[in-house]
């Protein structure tokens, strides 16, 4: 899918959907990577049309929320993911706690909207 058509799809979405993905005022949508944009669009469309099997629903949601939480963690701390991890690639404790809070908030927001 071309970025132009993804951006067009995003602009046509209701504000409530955009707010559910709370990291996504439109300028943050522009900053997101192509694969995240595709995942968000596919998830929303499949979920809306009730075409998403439960096991796939959960795995897609986890992938999207993880990436959104990573983006928000980097934005909030003004650091790269590498700077917030130890040599093994595991978050340092203070950042893991932040990530968990961001993740939980995002997941709740998306689920609340998508299950209305």
PDB file of N, CA and C in Angstrom:
ATOM      1  N   UNK A   1       0.846  -1.176   0.000  1.00  0.00           N
ATOM      2  CA  UNK A   1       0.000   0.000   0.000  1.00  0.00           C
ATOM      3  C   UNK A   1       0.893   1.240   0.000  1.00  0.00           C
ATOM      4  N   UNK A   2       0.545   2.197  -0.809  1.00  0.00           N
ATOM      5  CA  UNK A   2       1.337   3.413  -0.942  1.00  0.00           C
ATOM      6  C   UNK A   2       1.089   4.356   0.227  1.00  0.00           C
ATOM      7  N   UNK A   3       2.146   5.056   0.674  1.00  0.00           N
ATOM      8  CA  UNK A   3       1.987   6.007   1.777  1.00  0.00           C
ATOM      9  C   UNK A   3       0.899   7.047   1.521  1.00  0.00           C
ATOM     10  N   UNK A   4       0.767   7.470   0.268  1.00  0.00           N
ATOM     11  CA  UNK A   4      -0.239   8.483  -0.064  1.00  0.00           C
ATOM     12  C   UNK A   4      -1.649   7.984   0.246  1.00  0.00           C
ATOM     13  N   UNK A   5      -1.934   6.734  -0.120  1.00  0.00           N
ATOM     14  CA  UNK A   5      -3.275   6.202   0.139  1.00  0.00           C
ATOM     15  C   UNK A   5      -3.483   5.934   1.633  1.00  0.00           C
ATOM     16  N   UNK A   6      -2.417   5.575   2.345  1.00  0.00           N
ATOM     17  CA  UNK A   6      -2.525   5.415   3.797  1.00  0.00           C
ATOM     18  C   UNK A   6      -2.842   6.750   4.462  1.00  0.00           C
ATOM     19  N   UNK A   7      -2.163   7.790   4.009  1.00  0.00           N
ATOM     20  CA  UNK A   7      -2.409   9.120   4.572  1.00  0.00           C
ATOM     21  C   UNK A   7      -3.827   9.581   4.267  1.00  0.00           C
ATOM     22  N   UNK A   8      -4.308   9.278   3.070  1.00  0.00           N
ATOM     23  CA  UNK A   8      -5.683   9.637   2.714  1.00  0.00           C
ATOM     24  C   UNK A   8      -6.664   8.884   3.608  1.00  0.00           C
ATOM     25  N   UNK A   9      -6.421   7.591   3.809  1.00  0.00           N
ATOM     26  CA  UNK A   9      -7.276   6.804   4.694  1.00  0.00           C
ATOM     27  C   UNK A   9      -7.308   7.436   6.086  1.00  0.00           C
ATOM     28  N   UNK A  10      -6.129   7.801   6.603  1.00  0.00           N
ATOM     29  CA  UNK A  10      -6.046   8.367   7.952  1.00  0.00           C
ATOM     30  C   UNK A  10      -6.851   9.665   8.069  1.00  0.00           C
ATOM     31  N   UNK A  11      -6.743  10.525   7.076  1.00  0.00           N
ATOM     32  CA  UNK A  11      -7.458  11.807   7.151  1.00  0.00           C
ATOM     33  C   UNK A  11      -8.970  11.612   7.130  1.00  0.00           C
ATOM     34  N   UNK A  12      -9.444  10.497   6.615  1.00  0.00           N
ATOM     35  CA  UNK A  12     -10.881  10.227   6.542  1.00  0.00           C
ATOM     36  C   UNK A  12     -11.431   9.555   7.800  1.00  0.00           C
ATOM     37  N   UNK A  13     -10.554   9.239   8.739  1.00  0.00           N
ATOM     38  CA  UNK A  13     -11.000   8.542   9.946  1.00  0.00           C
ATOM     39  C   UNK A  13     -11.586   9.523  10.958  1.00  0.00           C
ATOM     40  N   UNK A  14     -12.543   9.050  11.753  1.00  0.00           N
ATOM     41  CA  UNK A  14     -13.137   9.926  12.767  1.00  0.00           C
ATOM     42  C   UNK A  14     -12.116  10.289  13.848  1.00  0.00           C
ATOM     43  N   UNK A  15     -12.309  11.443  14.442  1.00  0.00           N
ATOM     44  CA  UNK A  15     -11.403  11.891  15.501  1.00  0.00           C
ATOM     45  C   UNK A  15     -11.339  10.886  16.646  1.00  0.00           C
ATOM     46  N   UNK A  16     -12.436  10.216  16.923  1.00  0.00           N
ATOM     47  CA  UNK A  16     -12.454   9.232  18.008  1.00  0.00           C
ATOM     48  C   UNK A  16     -11.463   8.098  17.750  1.00  0.00           C
ATOM     49  N   UNK A  17     -11.356   7.656  16.513  1.00  0.00           N
ATOM     50  CA  UNK A  17     -10.384   6.619  16.184  1.00  0.00           C
ATOM     51  C   UNK A  17      -8.975   7.166  16.373  1.00  0.00           C
ATOM     52  N   UNK A  18      -8.730   8.369  15.891  1.00  0.00           N
ATOM     53  CA  UNK A  18      -7.404   8.971  16.033  1.00  0.00           C
ATOM     54  C   UNK A  18      -7.044   9.142  17.501  1.00  0.00           C
ATOM     55  N   UNK A  19      -8.024   9.518  18.315  1.00  0.00           N
ATOM     56  CA  UNK A  19      -7.770   9.696  19.740  1.00  0.00           C
ATOM     57  C   UNK A  19      -7.528   8.361  20.432  1.00  0.00           C
ATOM     58  N   UNK A  20      -8.141   7.300  19.946  1.00  0.00           N
ATOM     59  CA  UNK A  20      -7.914   5.976  20.530  1.00  0.00           C
ATOM     60  C   UNK A  20      -6.445   5.585  20.403  1.00  0.00           C
ATOM     61  N   UNK A  21      -5.858   5.938  19.282  1.00  0.00           N
ATOM     62  CA  UNK A  21      -4.424   5.740  19.088  1.00  0.00           C
ATOM     63  C   UNK A  21      -3.771   7.041  19.567  1.00  0.00           C
ATOM     64  N   UNK A  22      -3.794   7.250  20.878  1.00  0.00           N
ATOM     65  CA  UNK A  22      -3.536   8.562  21.481  1.00  0.00           C
ATOM     66  C   UNK A  22      -2.221   9.203  21.070  1.00  0.00           C
ATOM     67  N   UNK A  23      -1.331   8.465  20.524  1.00  0.00           N
ATOM     68  CA  UNK A  23      -0.059   9.043  20.093  1.00  0.00           C
ATOM     69  C   UNK A  23      -0.175   9.666  18.717  1.00  0.00           C
ATOM     70  N   UNK A  24      -1.371   9.701  18.179  1.00  0.00           N
ATOM     71  CA  UNK A  24      -1.514  10.021  16.778  1.00  0.00           C
ATOM     72  C   UNK A  24      -2.328  11.260  16.486  1.00  0.00           C
ATOM     73  N   UNK A  25      -1.924  12.434  17.000  1.00  0.00           N
ATOM     74  CA  UNK A  25      -2.443  13.590  16.269  1.00  0.00           C
ATOM     75  C   UNK A  25      -1.833  13.481  14.870  1.00  0.00           C
ATOM     76  N   UNK A  26      -2.398  14.132  13.920  1.00  0.00           N
ATOM     77  CA  UNK A  26      -1.990  13.912  12.528  1.00  0.00           C
ATOM     78  C   UNK A  26      -0.496  14.073  12.276  1.00  0.00           C
ATOM     79  N   UNK A  27       0.162  15.012  12.961  1.00  0.00           N
ATOM     80  CA  UNK A  27       1.601  15.179  12.701  1.00  0.00           C
ATOM     81  C   UNK A  27       2.386  13.957  13.168  1.00  0.00           C
ATOM     82  N   UNK A  28       1.927  13.254  14.175  1.00  0.00           N
ATOM     83  CA  UNK A  28       2.620  12.032  14.600  1.00  0.00           C
ATOM     84  C   UNK A  28       2.355  10.886  13.633  1.00  0.00           C
ATOM     85  N   UNK A  29       1.198  10.897  13.013  1.00  0.00           N
ATOM     86  CA  UNK A  29       0.921   9.910  11.959  1.00  0.00           C
ATOM     87  C   UNK A  29       1.971  10.050  10.870  1.00  0.00           C
ATOM     88  N   UNK A  30       2.278  11.289  10.507  1.00  0.00           N
ATOM     89  CA  UNK A  30       3.274  11.539   9.461  1.00  0.00           C
ATOM     90  C   UNK A  30       4.642  10.996   9.858  1.00  0.00           C
ATOM     91  N   UNK A  31       4.961  11.017  11.150  1.00  0.00           N
ATOM     92  CA  UNK A  31       6.267  10.557  11.635  1.00  0.00           C
ATOM     93  C   UNK A  31       6.362   9.032  11.720  1.00  0.00           C
ATOM     94  N   UNK A  32       5.235   8.360  11.751  1.00  0.00           N
ATOM     95  CA  UNK A  32       5.226   6.900  11.927  1.00  0.00           C
ATOM     96  C   UNK A  32       5.810   6.202  10.705  1.00  0.00           C
ATOM     97  N   UNK A  33       6.387   5.045  10.943  1.00  0.00           N
ATOM     98  CA  UNK A  33       6.935   4.252   9.860  1.00  0.00           C
ATOM     99  C   UNK A  33       5.841   3.617   9.015  1.00  0.00           C
ATOM    100  N   UNK A  34       6.196   3.258   7.803  1.00  0.00           N
ATOM    101  CA  UNK A  34       5.238   2.686   6.862  1.00  0.00           C
ATOM    102  C   UNK A  34       4.601   1.406   7.401  1.00  0.00           C
ATOM    103  N   UNK A  35       5.390   0.529   7.997  1.00  0.00           N
ATOM    104  CA  UNK A  35       4.813  -0.741   8.461  1.00  0.00           C
ATOM    105  C   UNK A  35       3.808  -0.509   9.588  1.00  0.00           C
ATOM    106  N   UNK A  36       4.056   0.463  10.464  1.00  0.00           N
ATOM    107  CA  UNK A  36       3.091   0.760  11.527  1.00  0.00           C
ATOM    108  C   UNK A  36       1.803   1.320  10.934  1.00  0.00           C
ATOM    109  N   UNK A  37       1.928   2.203   9.962  1.00  0.00           N
ATOM    110  CA  UNK A  37       0.735   2.759   9.311  1.00  0.00           C
ATOM    111  C   UNK A  37      -0.101   1.652   8.664  1.00  0.00           C
ATOM    112  N   UNK A  38       0.575   0.743   7.982  1.00  0.00           N
ATOM    113  CA  UNK A  38      -0.124  -0.376   7.338  1.00  0.00           C
ATOM    114  C   UNK A  38      -0.802  -1.246   8.391  1.00  0.00           C
ATOM    115  N   UNK A  39      -0.087  -1.535   9.477  1.00  0.00           N
ATOM    116  CA  UNK A  39      -0.661  -2.368  10.538  1.00  0.00           C
ATOM    117  C   UNK A  39      -1.889  -1.718  11.167  1.00  0.00           C
ATOM    118  N   UNK A  40      -1.815  -0.414  11.437  1.00  0.00           N
ATOM    119  CA  UNK A  40      -2.947   0.297  12.038  1.00  0.00           C
ATOM    120  C   UNK A  40      -4.143   0.255  11.091  1.00  0.00           C
ATOM    121  N   UNK A  41      -3.900   0.547   9.822  1.00  0.00           N
ATOM    122  CA  UNK A  41      -4.995   0.537   8.848  1.00  0.00           C
ATOM    123  C   UNK A  41      -5.622  -0.853   8.733  1.00  0.00           C
ATOM    124  N   UNK A  42      -4.784  -1.876   8.581  1.00  0.00           N
ATOM    125  CA  UNK A  42      -5.301  -3.239   8.448  1.00  0.00           C
ATOM    126  C   UNK A  42      -6.086  -3.658   9.683  1.00  0.00           C
ATOM    127  N   UNK A  43      -5.546  -3.362  10.842  1.00  0.00           N
ATOM    128  CA  UNK A  43      -6.225  -3.725  12.085  1.00  0.00           C
ATOM    129  C   UNK A  43      -7.592  -3.050  12.158  1.00  0.00           C
ATOM    130  N   UNK A  44      -7.627  -1.769  11.894  1.00  0.00           N
ATOM    131  CA  UNK A  44      -8.892  -1.023  11.974  1.00  0.00           C
ATOM    132  C   UNK A  44      -9.917  -1.547  10.968  1.00  0.00           C
ATOM    133  N   UNK A  45      -9.483  -1.770   9.752  1.00  0.00           N
ATOM    134  CA  UNK A  45     -10.414  -2.240   8.710  1.00  0.00           C
ATOM    135  C   UNK A  45     -10.915  -3.652   9.001  1.00  0.00           C
ATOM    136  N   UNK A  46     -10.013  -4.547   9.364  1.00  0.00           N
ATOM    137  CA  UNK A  46     -10.417  -5.922   9.655  1.00  0.00           C
ATOM    138  C   UNK A  46     -11.306  -5.991  10.890  1.00  0.00           C
ATOM    139  N   UNK A  47     -10.972  -5.207  11.888  1.00  0.00           N
ATOM    140  CA  UNK A  47     -11.767  -5.193  13.122  1.00  0.00           C
ATOM    141  C   UNK A  47     -13.163  -4.630  12.849  1.00  0.00           C
ATOM    142  N   UNK A  48     -13.217  -3.556  12.094  1.00  0.00           N
ATOM    143  CA  UNK A  48     -14.499  -2.922  11.762  1.00  0.00           C
ATOM    144  C   UNK A  48     -15.412  -3.888  11.014  1.00  0.00           C
ATOM    145  N   UNK A  49     -14.838  -4.630  10.085  1.00  0.00           N
ATOM    146  CA  UNK A  49     -15.625  -5.562   9.269  1.00  0.00           C
ATOM    147  C   UNK A  49     -15.789  -6.939   9.923  1.00  0.00           C
ATOM    148  N   UNK A  50     -15.305  -7.067  11.147  1.00  0.00           N
ATOM    149  CA  UNK A  50     -15.400  -8.320  11.914  1.00  0.00           C
ATOM    150  C   UNK A  50     -14.767  -9.499  11.169  1.00  0.00           C
ATOM    151  N   UNK A  51     -13.641  -9.233  10.540  1.00  0.00           N
ATOM    152  CA  UNK A  51     -12.940 -10.264   9.773  1.00  0.00           C
ATOM    153  C   UNK A  51     -11.676 -10.753  10.471  1.00  0.00           C
ATOM    154  N   UNK A  52     -11.490 -10.324  11.706  1.00  0.00           N
ATOM    155  CA  UNK A  52     -10.253 -10.615  12.416  1.00  0.00           C
ATOM    156  C   UNK A  52     -10.480 -11.738  13.430  1.00  0.00           C
ATOM    157  N   UNK A  53      -9.882 -12.918  13.185  1.00  0.00           N
ATOM    158  CA  UNK A  53     -10.011 -13.999  14.170  1.00  0.00           C
ATOM    159  C   UNK A  53      -9.395 -13.558  15.503  1.00  0.00           C
ATOM    160  N   UNK A  54      -9.917 -14.066  16.593  1.00  0.00           N
ATOM    161  CA  UNK A  54      -9.500 -13.625  17.924  1.00  0.00           C
ATOM    162  C   UNK A  54      -7.992 -13.715  18.149  1.00  0.00           C
ATOM    163  N   UNK A  55      -7.380 -14.828  17.741  1.00  0.00           N
ATOM    164  CA  UNK A  55      -5.940 -14.993  17.970  1.00  0.00           C
ATOM    165  C   UNK A  55      -5.122 -13.997  17.143  1.00  0.00           C
ATOM    166  N   UNK A  56      -5.568 -13.698  15.946  1.00  0.00           N
ATOM    167  CA  UNK A  56      -4.881 -12.714  15.098  1.00  0.00           C
ATOM    168  C   UNK A  56      -5.121 -11.303  15.632  1.00  0.00           C
ATOM    169  N   UNK A  57      -6.314 -11.044  16.121  1.00  0.00           N
ATOM    170  CA  UNK A  57      -6.662  -9.753  16.712  1.00  0.00           C
ATOM    171  C   UNK A  57      -5.664  -9.414  17.812  1.00  0.00           C
ATOM    172  N   UNK A  58      -5.454 -10.345  18.725  1.00  0.00           N
ATOM    173  CA  UNK A  58      -4.559 -10.114  19.866  1.00  0.00           C
ATOM    174  C   UNK A  58      -3.129  -9.876  19.404  1.00  0.00           C
ATOM    175  N   UNK A  59      -2.632 -10.686  18.487  1.00  0.00           N
ATOM    176  CA  UNK A  59      -1.239 -10.534  18.050  1.00  0.00           C
ATOM    177  C   UNK A  59      -1.035  -9.219  17.294  1.00  0.00           C
ATOM    178  N   UNK A  60      -2.000  -8.833  16.469  1.00  0.00           N
ATOM    179  CA  UNK A  60      -1.885  -7.552  15.755  1.00  0.00           C
ATOM    180  C   UNK A  60      -1.908  -6.388  16.738  1.00  0.00           C
ATOM    181  N   UNK A  61      -2.802  -6.468  17.714  1.00  0.00           N
ATOM    182  CA  UNK A  61      -2.905  -5.399  18.698  1.00  0.00           C
ATOM    183  C   UNK A  61      -1.608  -5.261  19.491  1.00  0.00           C
ATOM    184  N   UNK A  62      -1.044  -6.369  19.927  1.00  0.00           N
ATOM    185  CA  UNK A  62       0.209  -6.335  20.688  1.00  0.00           C
ATOM    186  C   UNK A  62       1.309  -5.671  19.867  1.00  0.00           C
ATOM    187  N   UNK A  63       1.425  -6.056  18.613  1.00  0.00           N
ATOM    188  CA  UNK A  63       2.463  -5.492  17.742  1.00  0.00           C
ATOM    189  C   UNK A  63       2.297  -3.981  17.589  1.00  0.00           C
ATOM    190  N   UNK A  64       1.080  -3.539  17.354  1.00  0.00           N
ATOM    191  CA  UNK A  64       0.802  -2.111  17.177  1.00  0.00           C
ATOM    192  C   UNK A  64       1.077  -1.347  18.466  1.00  0.00           C
ATOM    193  N   UNK A  65       0.561  -1.846  19.571  1.00  0.00           N
ATOM    194  CA  UNK A  65       0.717  -1.141  20.845  1.00  0.00           C
ATOM    195  C   UNK A  65       2.185  -1.090  21.257  1.00  0.00           C
ATOM    196  N   UNK A  66       2.937  -2.152  21.034  1.00  0.00           N
ATOM    197  CA  UNK A  66       4.374  -2.140  21.353  1.00  0.00           C
ATOM    198  C   UNK A  66       5.099  -1.051  20.572  1.00  0.00           C
ATOM    199  N   UNK A  67       4.811  -0.969  19.293  1.00  0.00           N
ATOM    200  CA  UNK A  67       5.488   0.035  18.474  1.00  0.00           C
ATOM    201  C   UNK A  67       5.075   1.449  18.868  1.00  0.00           C
ATOM    202  N   UNK A  68       3.792   1.643  19.145  1.00  0.00           N
ATOM    203  CA  UNK A  68       3.328   2.953  19.594  1.00  0.00           C
ATOM    204  C   UNK A  68       3.958   3.325  20.935  1.00  0.00           C
ATOM    205  N   UNK A  69       4.044   2.360  21.844  1.00  0.00           N
ATOM    206  CA  UNK A  69       4.642   2.620  23.158  1.00  0.00           C
ATOM    207  C   UNK A  69       6.129   2.948  23.017  1.00  0.00           C
ATOM    208  N   UNK A  70       6.830   2.244  22.136  1.00  0.00           N
ATOM    209  CA  UNK A  70       8.239   2.567  21.871  1.00  0.00           C
ATOM    210  C   UNK A  70       8.379   4.004  21.376  1.00  0.00           C
ATOM    211  N   UNK A  71       7.524   4.388  20.435  1.00  0.00           N
ATOM    212  CA  UNK A  71       7.578   5.751  19.887  1.00  0.00           C
ATOM    213  C   UNK A  71       7.344   6.787  20.979  1.00  0.00           C
ATOM    214  N   UNK A  72       6.338   6.554  21.810  1.00  0.00           N
ATOM    215  CA  UNK A  72       6.012   7.504  22.873  1.00  0.00           C
ATOM    216  C   UNK A  72       7.124   7.567  23.917  1.00  0.00           C
ATOM    217  N   UNK A  73       7.708   6.441  24.246  1.00  0.00           N
ATOM    218  CA  UNK A  73       8.811   6.400  25.203  1.00  0.00           C
ATOM    219  C   UNK A  73       9.996   7.219  24.691  1.00  0.00           C
ATOM    220  N   UNK A  74      10.326   7.062  23.427  1.00  0.00           N
ATOM    221  CA  UNK A  74      11.419   7.838  22.821  1.00  0.00           C
ATOM    222  C   UNK A  74      11.086   9.326  22.801  1.00  0.00           C
ATOM    223  N   UNK A  75       9.863   9.649  22.443  1.00  0.00           N
ATOM    224  CA  UNK A  75       9.449  11.049  22.373  1.00  0.00           C
ATOM    225  C   UNK A  75       9.481  11.689  23.760  1.00  0.00           C
ATOM    226  N   UNK A  76       8.947  10.999  24.742  1.00  0.00           N
ATOM    227  CA  UNK A  76       8.872  11.525  26.104  1.00  0.00           C
ATOM    228  C   UNK A  76      10.254  11.749  26.708  1.00  0.00           C
ATOM    229  N   UNK A  77      11.147  10.801  26.491  1.00  0.00           N
ATOM    230  CA  UNK A  77      12.476  10.872  27.103  1.00  0.00           C
ATOM    231  C   UNK A  77      13.526  11.522  26.212  1.00  0.00           C
ATOM    232  N   UNK A  78      13.148  11.819  24.972  1.00  0.00           N
ATOM    233  CA  UNK A  78      14.088  12.400  24.009  1.00  0.00           C
ATOM    234  C   UNK A  78      15.374  11.566  23.901  1.00  0.00           C
ATOM    235  N   UNK A  79      15.160  10.253  23.844  1.00  0.00           N
ATOM    236  CA  UNK A  79      16.268   9.302  23.710  1.00  0.00           C
ATOM    237  C   UNK A  79      15.865   8.222  22.717  1.00  0.00           C
ATOM    238  N   UNK A  80      16.866   7.555  22.168  1.00  0.00           N
ATOM    239  CA  UNK A  80      16.594   6.404  21.311  1.00  0.00           C
ATOM    240  C   UNK A  80      16.323   5.182  22.188  1.00  0.00           C
ATOM    241  N   UNK A  81      15.747   4.158  21.594  1.00  0.00           N
ATOM    242  CA  UNK A  81      15.522   2.924  22.349  1.00  0.00           C
ATOM    243  C   UNK A  81      16.841   2.353  22.861  1.00  0.00           C
ATOM    244  N   UNK A  82      17.882   2.406  22.040  1.00  0.00           N
ATOM    245  CA  UNK A  82      19.188   1.887  22.448  1.00  0.00           C
ATOM    246  C   UNK A  82      19.706   2.577  23.704  1.00  0.00           C
ATOM    247  N   UNK A  83      19.455   3.864  23.822  1.00  0.00           N
ATOM    248  CA  UNK A  83      19.926   4.614  24.992  1.00  0.00           C
ATOM    249  C   UNK A  83      19.167   4.240  26.267  1.00  0.00           C
ATOM    250  N   UNK A  84      18.016   3.621  26.112  1.00  0.00           N
ATOM    251  CA  UNK A  84      17.199   3.262  27.274  1.00  0.00           C
ATOM    252  C   UNK A  84      17.305   1.777  27.620  1.00  0.00           C
ATOM    253  N   UNK A  85      18.219   1.075  26.931  1.00  0.00           N
ATOM    254  CA  UNK A  85      18.376  -0.367  27.139  1.00  0.00           C
ATOM    255  C   UNK A  85      19.785  -0.695  27.609  1.00  0.00           C
ATOM    256  N   UNK A  86      19.916  -1.863  28.238  1.00  0.00           N
ATOM    257  CA  UNK A  86      21.247  -2.334  28.613  1.00  0.00           C
ATOM    258  C   UNK A  86      21.902  -3.013  27.409  1.00  0.00           C
ATOM    259  N   UNK A  87      23.068  -3.584  27.619  1.00  0.00           N
ATOM    260  CA  UNK A  87      23.824  -4.208  26.525  1.00  0.00           C
ATOM    261  C   UNK A  87      23.084  -5.389  25.895  1.00  0.00           C
ATOM    262  N   UNK A  88      22.174  -5.997  26.647  1.00  0.00           N
ATOM    263  CA  UNK A  88      21.402  -7.134  26.131  1.00  0.00           C
ATOM    264  C   UNK A  88      20.127  -6.709  25.414  1.00  0.00           C
ATOM    265  N   UNK A  89      19.888  -5.395  25.318  1.00  0.00           N
ATOM    266  CA  UNK A  89      18.697  -4.904  24.635  1.00  0.00           C
ATOM    267  C   UNK A  89      17.451  -4.883  25.498  1.00  0.00           C
ATOM    268  N   UNK A  90      17.626  -5.011  26.808  1.00  0.00           N
ATOM    269  CA  UNK A  90      16.503  -4.998  27.749  1.00  0.00           C
ATOM    270  C   UNK A  90      16.388  -3.593  28.330  1.00  0.00           C
ATOM    271  N   UNK A  91      15.148  -3.082  28.437  1.00  0.00           N
ATOM    272  CA  UNK A  91      14.955  -1.751  29.008  1.00  0.00           C
ATOM    273  C   UNK A  91      15.563  -1.668  30.403  1.00  0.00           C
ATOM    274  N   UNK A  92      16.201  -0.527  30.686  1.00  0.00           N
ATOM    275  CA  UNK A  92      16.603  -0.234  32.055  1.00  0.00           C
ATOM    276  C   UNK A  92      15.320  -0.079  32.872  1.00  0.00           C
ATOM    277  N   UNK A  93      15.396  -0.354  34.169  1.00  0.00           N
ATOM    278  CA  UNK A  93      14.190  -0.456  34.998  1.00  0.00           C
ATOM    279  C   UNK A  93      13.277   0.763  34.904  1.00  0.00           C
ATOM    280  N   UNK A  94      13.849   1.966  34.985  1.00  0.00           N
ATOM    281  CA  UNK A  94      13.001   3.169  34.949  1.00  0.00           C
ATOM    282  C   UNK A  94      12.240   3.285  33.629  1.00  0.00           C
ATOM    283  N   UNK A  95      12.861   2.862  32.546  1.00  0.00           N
ATOM    284  CA  UNK A  95      12.204   2.937  31.244  1.00  0.00           C
ATOM    285  C   UNK A  95      11.208   1.796  31.057  1.00  0.00           C
ATOM    286  N   UNK A  96      11.506   0.640  31.637  1.00  0.00           N
ATOM    287  CA  UNK A  96      10.558  -0.479  31.558  1.00  0.00           C
ATOM    288  C   UNK A  96       9.256  -0.098  32.246  1.00  0.00           C
ATOM    289  N   UNK A  97       9.365   0.553  33.398  1.00  0.00           N
ATOM    290  CA  UNK A  97       8.161   0.992  34.113  1.00  0.00           C
ATOM    291  C   UNK A  97       7.360   1.984  33.278  1.00  0.00           C
ATOM    292  N   UNK A  98       8.047   2.927  32.653  1.00  0.00           N
ATOM    293  CA  UNK A  98       7.369   3.903  31.787  1.00  0.00           C
ATOM    294  C   UNK A  98       6.704   3.204  30.605  1.00  0.00           C
ATOM    295  N   UNK A  99       7.448   2.293  29.981  1.00  0.00           N
ATOM    296  CA  UNK A  99       6.907   1.556  28.838  1.00  0.00           C
ATOM    297  C   UNK A  99       5.626   0.826  29.238  1.00  0.00           C
ATOM    298  N   UNK A 100       5.663   0.147  30.385  1.00  0.00           N
ATOM    299  CA  UNK A 100       4.493  -0.611  30.837  1.00  0.00           C
ATOM    300  C   UNK A 100       3.281   0.295  31.025  1.00  0.00           C
ATOM    301  N   UNK A 101       3.485   1.460  31.604  1.00  0.00           N
ATOM    302  CA  UNK A 101       2.381   2.404  31.815  1.00  0.00           C
ATOM    303  C   UNK A 101       1.827   2.901  30.484  1.00  0.00           C
ATOM    304  N   UNK A 102       2.722   3.264  29.580  1.00  0.00           N
ATOM    305  CA  UNK A 102       2.299   3.743  28.261  1.00  0.00           C
ATOM    306  C   UNK A 102       1.552   2.633  27.523  1.00  0.00           C
ATOM    307  N   UNK A 103       2.112   1.433  27.550  1.00  0.00           N
ATOM    308  CA  UNK A 103       1.501   0.286  26.869  1.00  0.00           C
ATOM    309  C   UNK A 103       0.080   0.054  27.382  1.00  0.00           C
ATOM    310  N   UNK A 104      -0.067   0.008  28.698  1.00  0.00           N
ATOM    311  CA  UNK A 104      -1.387  -0.260  29.285  1.00  0.00           C
ATOM    312  C   UNK A 104      -2.400   0.811  28.898  1.00  0.00           C
ATOM    313  N   UNK A 105      -1.990   2.066  28.922  1.00  0.00           N
ATOM    314  CA  UNK A 105      -2.883   3.172  28.569  1.00  0.00           C
ATOM    315  C   UNK A 105      -3.314   3.072  27.105  1.00  0.00           C
ATOM    316  N   UNK A 106      -2.352   2.818  26.232  1.00  0.00           N
ATOM    317  CA  UNK A 106      -2.655   2.701  24.802  1.00  0.00           C
ATOM    318  C   UNK A 106      -3.563   1.515  24.507  1.00  0.00           C
ATOM    319  N   UNK A 107      -3.239   0.384  25.075  1.00  0.00           N
ATOM    320  CA  UNK A 107      -4.048  -0.809  24.829  1.00  0.00           C
ATOM    321  C   UNK A 107      -5.492  -0.574  25.278  1.00  0.00           C
ATOM    322  N   UNK A 108      -5.655  -0.003  26.450  1.00  0.00           N
ATOM    323  CA  UNK A 108      -7.004   0.275  26.972  1.00  0.00           C
ATOM    324  C   UNK A 108      -7.757   1.228  26.050  1.00  0.00           C
ATOM    325  N   UNK A 109      -7.071   2.271  25.609  1.00  0.00           N
ATOM    326  CA  UNK A 109      -7.683   3.267  24.734  1.00  0.00           C
ATOM    327  C   UNK A 109      -8.146   2.646  23.412  1.00  0.00           C
ATOM    328  N   UNK A 110      -7.292   1.860  22.804  1.00  0.00           N
ATOM    329  CA  UNK A 110      -7.620   1.230  21.520  1.00  0.00           C
ATOM    330  C   UNK A 110      -8.750   0.216  21.689  1.00  0.00           C
ATOM    331  N   UNK A 111      -8.654  -0.617  22.713  1.00  0.00           N
ATOM    332  CA  UNK A 111      -9.702  -1.619  22.935  1.00  0.00           C
ATOM    333  C   UNK A 111     -11.045  -0.969  23.235  1.00  0.00           C
ATOM    334  N   UNK A 112     -11.040   0.074  24.035  1.00  0.00           N
ATOM    335  CA  UNK A 112     -12.297   0.769  24.342  1.00  0.00           C
ATOM    336  C   UNK A 112     -12.952   1.285  23.068  1.00  0.00           C
ATOM    337  N   UNK A 113     -12.160   1.885  22.195  1.00  0.00           N
ATOM    338  CA  UNK A 113     -12.724   2.422  20.956  1.00  0.00           C
ATOM    339  C   UNK A 113     -13.171   1.310  20.007  1.00  0.00           C
ATOM    340  N   UNK A 114     -12.325   0.334  19.800  1.00  0.00           N
ATOM    341  CA  UNK A 114     -12.609  -0.693  18.799  1.00  0.00           C
ATOM    342  C   UNK A 114     -13.756  -1.619  19.216  1.00  0.00           C
ATOM    343  N   UNK A 115     -14.023  -1.708  20.495  1.00  0.00           N
ATOM    344  CA  UNK A 115     -15.081  -2.608  20.968  1.00  0.00           C
ATOM    345  C   UNK A 115     -16.399  -1.895  21.236  1.00  0.00           C
ATOM    346  N   UNK A 116     -16.506  -0.635  20.845  1.00  0.00           N
ATOM    347  CA  UNK A 116     -17.765   0.102  21.029  1.00  0.00           C
ATOM    348  C   UNK A 116     -18.834  -0.447  20.121  1.00  0.00           C
TER     349      UNK A 116
END
